C-alpha atoms as a PDB file:
ATOM      1  CA  MET A   1       0.000   0.000   0.000  1.00  0.00           C
ATOM      2  CA  TYR A   2       2.826   2.395   0.867  1.00  0.00           C
ATOM      3  CA  GLY A   3       4.501   1.690  -2.484  1.00  0.00           C
ATOM      4  CA  LEU A   4       1.445   2.514  -4.579  1.00  0.00           C
ATOM      5  CA  TRP A   5      -0.268   5.278  -2.579  1.00  0.00           C
ATOM      6  CA  ARG A   6       0.556   7.664   0.245  1.00  0.00           C
ATOM      7  CA  PRO A   7      -1.497   6.392   3.170  1.00  0.00           C
ATOM      8  CA  ARG A   8      -1.762   8.646   6.203  1.00  0.00           C
ATOM      9  CA  VAL A   9      -2.742   6.673   9.286  1.00  0.00           C
ATOM     10  CA  LEU A  10      -4.317   8.528  12.196  1.00  0.00           C
ATOM     11  CA  GLY A  11      -5.327   7.112  15.579  1.00  0.00           C
ATOM     12  CA  ALA A  12      -3.656   3.697  15.204  1.00  0.00           C
ATOM     13  CA  TRP A  13      -2.681   3.975  18.886  1.00  0.00           C
ATOM     14  CA  LYS A  14      -6.393   3.677  19.752  1.00  0.00           C
ATOM     15  CA  VAL A  15      -6.527   0.069  18.521  1.00  0.00           C
ATOM     16  CA  PRO A  16      -6.368  -2.305  21.528  1.00  0.00           C
ATOM     17  CA  ALA A  17      -2.886  -3.885  21.563  1.00  0.00           C
ATOM     18  CA  SER A  18      -4.291  -7.334  22.331  1.00  0.00           C
ATOM     19  CA  GLY A  19      -7.549  -9.177  22.784  1.00  0.00           C
ATOM     20  CA  PRO A  20     -10.512  -9.391  20.431  1.00  0.00           C
ATOM     21  CA  ALA A  21     -11.613  -6.340  18.463  1.00  0.00           C
ATOM     22  CA  ILE A  22     -13.903  -5.632  15.532  1.00  0.00           C
ATOM     23  CA  PHE A  23     -12.909  -3.083  12.888  1.00  0.00           C
ATOM     24  CA  ALA A  24     -16.045  -1.463  11.428  1.00  0.00           C
ATOM     25  CA  VAL A  25     -14.833   0.008   8.132  1.00  0.00           C
ATOM     26  CA  ASN A  26     -16.739   2.302   5.766  1.00  0.00           C
ATOM     27  CA  HIS A  27     -16.760   0.947   2.222  1.00  0.00           C
ATOM     28  CA  ALA A  28     -16.711   3.364  -0.705  1.00  0.00           C
ATOM     29  CA  HIS A  29     -14.048   1.669  -2.854  1.00  0.00           C
ATOM     30  CA  ASN A  30     -12.554  -1.780  -3.525  1.00  0.00           C
ATOM     31  CA  ILE A  31      -9.207  -0.596  -2.144  1.00  0.00           C
ATOM     32  CA  ASP A  32     -10.596   0.138   1.356  1.00  0.00           C
ATOM     33  CA  GLY A  33     -10.193  -3.389   2.777  1.00  0.00           C
ATOM     34  CA  PRO A  34      -6.672  -3.990   1.424  1.00  0.00           C
ATOM     35  CA  MET A  35      -5.664  -0.496   2.584  1.00  0.00           C
ATOM     36  CA  VAL A  36      -6.803  -1.225   6.159  1.00  0.00           C
ATOM     37  CA  MET A  37      -5.063  -4.635   6.069  1.00  0.00           C
ATOM     38  CA  GLY A  38      -1.869  -2.952   4.884  1.00  0.00           C
ATOM     39  CA  VAL A  39      -1.723  -0.176   7.494  1.00  0.00           C
ATOM     40  CA  ALA A  40      -3.470  -1.593  10.595  1.00  0.00           C
ATOM     41  CA  PRO A  41      -1.305  -2.097  13.686  1.00  0.00           C
ATOM     42  CA  ARG A  42      -2.640  -5.675  14.025  1.00  0.00           C
ATOM     43  CA  PRO A  43      -3.493  -8.413  11.500  1.00  0.00           C
ATOM     44  CA  VAL A  44      -7.129  -8.203  10.352  1.00  0.00           C
ATOM     45  CA  HIS A  45      -9.410 -11.030   9.203  1.00  0.00           C
ATOM     46  CA  PHE A  46     -12.088  -9.513   6.954  1.00  0.00           C
ATOM     47  CA  LEU A  47     -15.399 -11.088   6.039  1.00  0.00           C
ATOM     48  CA  ILE A  48     -15.289 -10.881   2.230  1.00  0.00           C
ATOM     49  CA  LYS A  49     -17.968 -11.886  -0.273  1.00  0.00           C
ATOM     50  CA  LYS A  50     -17.360 -15.392  -1.595  1.00  0.00           C
ATOM     51  CA  GLU A  51     -17.446 -14.097  -5.189  1.00  0.00           C
ATOM     52  CA  ALA A  52     -13.991 -12.559  -4.594  1.00  0.00           C
ATOM     53  CA  PHE A  53     -12.457 -15.961  -3.816  1.00  0.00           C
ATOM     54  CA  VAL A  54     -11.701 -16.987  -7.399  1.00  0.00           C
ATOM     55  CA  GLY A  55      -8.494 -18.346  -8.872  1.00  0.00           C
ATOM     56  CA  PRO A  56      -5.152 -17.093  -7.517  1.00  0.00           C
ATOM     57  CA  LEU A  57      -6.845 -14.217  -5.638  1.00  0.00           C
ATOM     58  CA  GLY A  58      -8.989 -16.731  -3.736  1.00  0.00           C
ATOM     59  CA  SER A  59      -5.940 -18.756  -2.696  1.00  0.00           C
ATOM     60  CA  PHE A  60      -4.145 -15.567  -1.672  1.00  0.00           C
ATOM     61  CA  LEU A  61      -7.078 -14.281   0.417  1.00  0.00           C
ATOM     62  CA  THR A  62      -7.455 -17.648   2.161  1.00  0.00           C
ATOM     63  CA  GLY A  63      -3.686 -17.788   2.721  1.00  0.00           C
ATOM     64  CA  ILE A  64      -3.644 -14.427   4.519  1.00  0.00           C
ATOM     65  CA  GLY A  65      -6.550 -15.432   6.765  1.00  0.00           C
ATOM     66  CA  GLN A  66      -9.501 -13.700   5.120  1.00  0.00           C
ATOM     67  CA  LEU A  67     -12.950 -15.254   5.578  1.00  0.00           C
ATOM     68  CA  GLN A  68     -15.366 -15.842   2.739  1.00  0.00           C
ATOM     69  CA  VAL A  69     -19.052 -15.213   3.333  1.00  0.00           C
ATOM     70  CA  ASP A  70     -22.164 -15.948   1.304  1.00  0.00           C
ATOM     71  CA  ARG A  71     -24.073 -12.659   1.501  1.00  0.00           C
ATOM     72  CA  HIS A  72     -27.279 -14.249   0.208  1.00  0.00           C
ATOM     73  CA  SER A  73     -27.907 -16.610   3.116  1.00  0.00           C
ATOM     74  CA  ALA A  74     -27.178 -17.051   6.818  1.00  0.00           C
ATOM     75  CA  ASP A  75     -23.680 -18.443   6.287  1.00  0.00           C
ATOM     76  CA  ARG A  76     -23.129 -20.532   9.437  1.00  0.00           C
ATOM     77  CA  THR A  77     -19.572 -21.486   8.457  1.00  0.00           C
ATOM     78  CA  ALA A  78     -18.557 -17.834   8.060  1.00  0.00           C
ATOM     79  CA  ILE A  79     -20.265 -16.913  11.345  1.00  0.00           C
ATOM     80  CA  THR A  80     -18.456 -19.711  13.197  1.00  0.00           C
ATOM     81  CA  ARG A  81     -15.077 -18.754  11.695  1.00  0.00           C
ATOM     82  CA  ALA A  82     -15.595 -15.061  12.481  1.00  0.00           C
ATOM     83  CA  LEU A  83     -16.531 -15.813  16.096  1.00  0.00           C
ATOM     84  CA  GLY A  84     -13.469 -18.090  16.234  1.00  0.00           C
ATOM     85  CA  VAL A  85     -11.199 -15.173  15.243  1.00  0.00           C
ATOM     86  CA  LEU A  86     -12.633 -13.150  18.153  1.00  0.00           C
ATOM     87  CA  GLU A  87     -12.478 -16.073  20.628  1.00  0.00           C
ATOM     88  CA  GLN A  88      -8.775 -16.423  19.809  1.00  0.00           C
ATOM     89  CA  GLY A  89      -8.206 -12.724  20.543  1.00  0.00           C
ATOM     90  CA  GLY A  90      -7.934 -11.643  16.904  1.00  0.00           C
ATOM     91  CA  VAL A  91      -9.259  -8.688  14.934  1.00  0.00           C
ATOM     92  CA  LEU A  92     -12.320  -9.195  12.752  1.00  0.00           C
ATOM     93  CA  GLY A  93     -12.866  -6.693   9.935  1.00  0.00           C
ATOM     94  CA  ILE A  94     -16.408  -5.941   8.800  1.00  0.00           C
ATOM     95  CA  PHE A  95     -17.932  -3.601   6.251  1.00  0.00           C
ATOM     96  CA  PRO A  96     -21.134  -3.000   8.217  1.00  0.00           C
ATOM     97  CA  GLU A  97     -22.980  -1.614   5.199  1.00  0.00           C
ATOM     98  CA  GLY A  98     -22.656  -5.074   3.665  1.00  0.00           C
ATOM     99  CA  THR A  99     -21.669  -3.829   0.232  1.00  0.00           C
ATOM    100  CA  ARG A 100     -19.770  -0.984  -1.363  1.00  0.00           C
ATOM    101  CA  GLY A 101     -21.757   2.241  -1.400  1.00  0.00           C
ATOM    102  CA  GLU A 102     -21.441   5.842  -0.292  1.00  0.00           C
ATOM    103  CA  GLY A 103     -19.203   4.739   2.579  1.00  0.00           C
ATOM    104  CA  ASP A 104     -21.185   6.837   5.049  1.00  0.00           C
ATOM    105  CA  PHE A 105     -22.529   4.083   7.352  1.00  0.00           C
ATOM    106  CA  ALA A 106     -26.101   5.120   6.433  1.00  0.00           C
ATOM    107  CA  SER A 107     -27.502   1.597   6.133  1.00  0.00           C
ATOM    108  CA  LEU A 108     -26.017  -0.841   8.618  1.00  0.00           C
ATOM    109  CA  ARG A 109     -26.693  -4.552   8.395  1.00  0.00           C
ATOM    110  CA  ALA A 110     -27.303  -6.578  11.578  1.00  0.00           C
ATOM    111  CA  GLY A 111     -24.095  -8.635  11.279  1.00  0.00           C
ATOM    112  CA  LEU A 112     -21.870  -6.146  13.076  1.00  0.00           C
ATOM    113  CA  SER A 113     -24.144  -5.854  16.105  1.00  0.00           C
ATOM    114  CA  TYR A 114     -24.519  -9.649  16.245  1.00  0.00           C
ATOM    115  CA  PHE A 115     -20.747 -10.223  16.370  1.00  0.00           C
ATOM    116  CA  ALA A 116     -20.201  -7.387  18.853  1.00  0.00           C
ATOM    117  CA  VAL A 117     -22.988  -8.400  21.246  1.00  0.00           C
ATOM    118  CA  ARG A 118     -22.282 -12.133  20.952  1.00  0.00           C
ATOM    119  CA  SER A 119     -18.502 -11.828  21.496  1.00  0.00           C
ATOM    120  CA  GLY A 120     -18.379  -8.772  23.757  1.00  0.00           C
ATOM    121  CA  ALA A 121     -15.471  -7.490  21.613  1.00  0.00           C
ATOM    122  CA  PRO A 122     -15.090  -3.714  21.347  1.00  0.00           C
ATOM    123  CA  ILE A 123     -15.781  -2.078  17.997  1.00  0.00           C
ATOM    124  CA  VAL A 124     -13.089   0.171  16.522  1.00  0.00           C
ATOM    125  CA  PRO A 125     -14.540   2.544  13.914  1.00  0.00           C
ATOM    126  CA  VAL A 126     -12.305   2.923  10.862  1.00  0.00           C
ATOM    127  CA  ALA A 127     -12.794   5.596   8.198  1.00  0.00           C
ATOM    128  CA  VAL A 128     -10.997   5.288   4.860  1.00  0.00           C
ATOM    129  CA  LEU A 129     -11.094   8.635   3.067  1.00  0.00           C
ATOM    130  CA  GLY A 130      -9.715   9.712  -0.294  1.00  0.00           C
ATOM    131  CA  SER A 131     -10.088   6.331  -2.001  1.00  0.00           C
ATOM    132  CA  SER A 132     -13.173   7.242  -4.016  1.00  0.00           C
ATOM    133  CA  GLY A 133     -14.079  10.153  -6.230  1.00  0.00           C
ATOM    134  CA  ARG A 134     -11.130  10.043  -8.598  1.00  0.00           C
ATOM    135  CA  SER A 135      -9.928   7.262 -10.888  1.00  0.00           C
ATOM    136  CA  GLY A 136      -6.332   6.583 -11.711  1.00  0.00           C
ATOM    137  CA  ARG A 137      -5.027   7.113 -15.234  1.00  0.00           C
ATOM    138  CA  LEU A 138      -3.306   3.717 -15.413  1.00  0.00           C
ATOM    139  CA  ILE A 139      -5.963   1.585 -13.752  1.00  0.00           C
ATOM    140  CA  LYS A 140      -9.424   3.130 -13.852  1.00  0.00           C
ATOM    141  CA  GLY A 141     -10.729   0.968 -10.998  1.00  0.00           C
ATOM    142  CA  LEU A 142      -8.159   2.274  -8.503  1.00  0.00           C
ATOM    143  CA  PRO A 143      -7.415   5.682  -6.991  1.00  0.00           C
ATOM    144  CA  PRO A 144      -4.586   7.591  -8.713  1.00  0.00           C
ATOM    145  CA  LEU A 145      -1.173   6.152  -7.851  1.00  0.00           C
ATOM    146  CA  ARG A 146       0.727   8.091  -5.174  1.00  0.00           C
ATOM    147  CA  SER A 147      -2.484   9.878  -4.088  1.00  0.00           C
ATOM    148  CA  ARG A 148      -3.092  10.372  -0.375  1.00  0.00           C
ATOM    149  CA  ILE A 149      -5.531   8.024   1.321  1.00  0.00           C
ATOM    150  CA  ASP A 150      -6.355   8.639   4.963  1.00  0.00           C
ATOM    151  CA  VAL A 151      -7.149   5.791   7.347  1.00  0.00           C
ATOM    152  CA  VAL A 152      -8.551   7.091  10.627  1.00  0.00           C
ATOM    153  CA  PHE A 153      -9.004   4.742  13.594  1.00  0.00           C
ATOM    154  CA  GLY A 154     -11.504   5.830  16.242  1.00  0.00           C
ATOM    155  CA  ASP A 155     -12.016   5.143  19.931  1.00  0.00           C
ATOM    156  CA  PRO A 156     -13.106   1.562  20.698  1.00  0.00           C
ATOM    157  CA  PHE A 157     -16.610   1.224  22.141  1.00  0.00           C
ATOM    158  CA  ASP A 158     -18.927  -1.527  23.357  1.00  0.00           C
ATOM    159  CA  ALA A 159     -22.084  -2.100  21.331  1.00  0.00           C
ATOM    160  CA  GLY A 160     -24.075  -3.885  24.006  1.00  0.00           C
ATOM    161  CA  ASP A 161     -25.871  -2.252  26.905  1.00  0.00           C
ATOM    162  CA  GLY A 162     -23.950  -4.330  29.463  1.00  0.00           C
ATOM    163  CA  SER A 163     -26.877  -6.669  30.153  1.00  0.00           C
ATOM    164  CA  GLY A 164     -25.549  -9.521  28.020  1.00  0.00           C
ATOM    165  CA  ARG A 165     -28.957  -9.822  26.306  1.00  0.00           C
ATOM    166  CA  ARG A 166     -28.928 -11.238  22.774  1.00  0.00           C
ATOM    167  CA  THR A 167     -32.586 -10.738  21.884  1.00  0.00           C
ATOM    168  CA  ARG A 168     -33.760  -9.199  18.634  1.00  0.00           C
ATOM    169  CA  ARG A 169     -34.520  -5.984  20.522  1.00  0.00           C
ATOM    170  CA  ALA A 170     -31.044  -5.942  22.110  1.00  0.00           C
ATOM    171  CA  LEU A 171     -29.474  -6.329  18.649  1.00  0.00           C
ATOM    172  CA  ASP A 172     -31.671  -3.560  17.217  1.00  0.00           C
ATOM    173  CA  GLU A 173     -30.670  -1.242  20.073  1.00  0.00           C
ATOM    174  CA  ALA A 174     -27.005  -2.160  19.559  1.00  0.00           C
ATOM    175  CA  THR A 175     -27.321  -1.381  15.836  1.00  0.00           C
ATOM    176  CA  GLU A 176     -28.681   2.080  16.682  1.00  0.00           C
ATOM    177  CA  ARG A 177     -25.809   2.743  19.118  1.00  0.00           C
ATOM    178  CA  ILE A 178     -23.285   1.520  16.569  1.00  0.00           C
ATOM    179  CA  GLN A 179     -24.705   3.677  13.777  1.00  0.00           C
ATOM    180  CA  LYS A 180     -24.488   6.821  15.939  1.00  0.00           C
ATOM    181  CA  GLN A 181     -20.887   6.068  16.932  1.00  0.00           C
ATOM    182  CA  LEU A 182     -19.762   5.236  13.389  1.00  0.00           C
ATOM    183  CA  THR A 183     -21.462   8.289  11.865  1.00  0.00           C
ATOM    184  CA  ALA A 184     -19.902  10.565  14.507  1.00  0.00           C
ATOM    185  CA  HIS A 185     -16.466   9.012  13.858  1.00  0.00           C
ATOM    186  CA  LEU A 186     -16.814   9.518  10.108  1.00  0.00           C
ATOM    187  CA  GLU A 187     -17.814  13.175  10.546  1.00  0.00           C
ATOM    188  CA  ASN A 188     -14.875  13.727  12.900  1.00  0.00           C
ATOM    189  CA  ALA A 189     -12.479  11.966  10.485  1.00  0.00           C
ATOM    190  CA  ARG A 190     -13.672  14.153   7.602  1.00  0.00           C
ATOM    191  CA  ARG A 191     -13.104  17.302   9.681  1.00  0.00           C
ATOM    192  CA  LEU A 192      -9.687  16.054  10.759  1.00  0.00           C
ATOM    193  CA  THR A 193      -8.481  15.157   7.264  1.00  0.00           C
ATOM    194  CA  GLY A 194     -10.297  17.732   5.135  1.00  0.00           C
ATOM    195  CA  HIS A 195     -11.953  15.032   2.959  1.00  0.00           C
END
C-alpha cells in the first residue's frame, strides 16, 4: 500500500494492543479493505464476499486469513469462523454496510451488532477517506497512484448495553448505538483530514 499510494494513518494507537476487536470500516471503494489490512497495527481477518475468492486471488485471500461469506444466506460457516477469530483474541474486519456504497454508514446490516454483542469485543470505527471520487489514469478501478488516502481509527466502544442480552430488541438497540458512533467518527475523520 505504501509503495502505490501515500497512506496517512491517524489514531492507530487507539486500537487495543491485544484481545478481540472488531474493525467497522466504511466501504466506498474496492481498495478500502486492502488499505486497512496494509496499514493496521494488528493483523485483520475480513469477512469478504465469496465471489472474490476466485483463482489465484482466492488462494491468496485464504492464505492471509480472510474469511469468505455468502451474503445471500445465513452463512453458518462464516459466522463460526468469524466468532473463532474473536475467541482467539484476533481482529475481525467488517464492512457493516454489507456492500460498497457511499461509505457513510447510512444503512447498517445486523451482522456487526450480532458479532459485537455475541462476542463482547469492542468495535473500533475505521474511516478510509480519499479512495473514491477520482480514478487513476493507469488503472481506472483504482485511486490515482501516489495519491493520499487517509485511514482514521476511532475510539473503541462496546455495542451492548452491558446486560448480556442477545434478543432481537437488544441487537436492534445495539445497531442504533453503533450507527451513531460510526457516523460521529466519520464526521470527525472528515473534519480532521479535510476530505
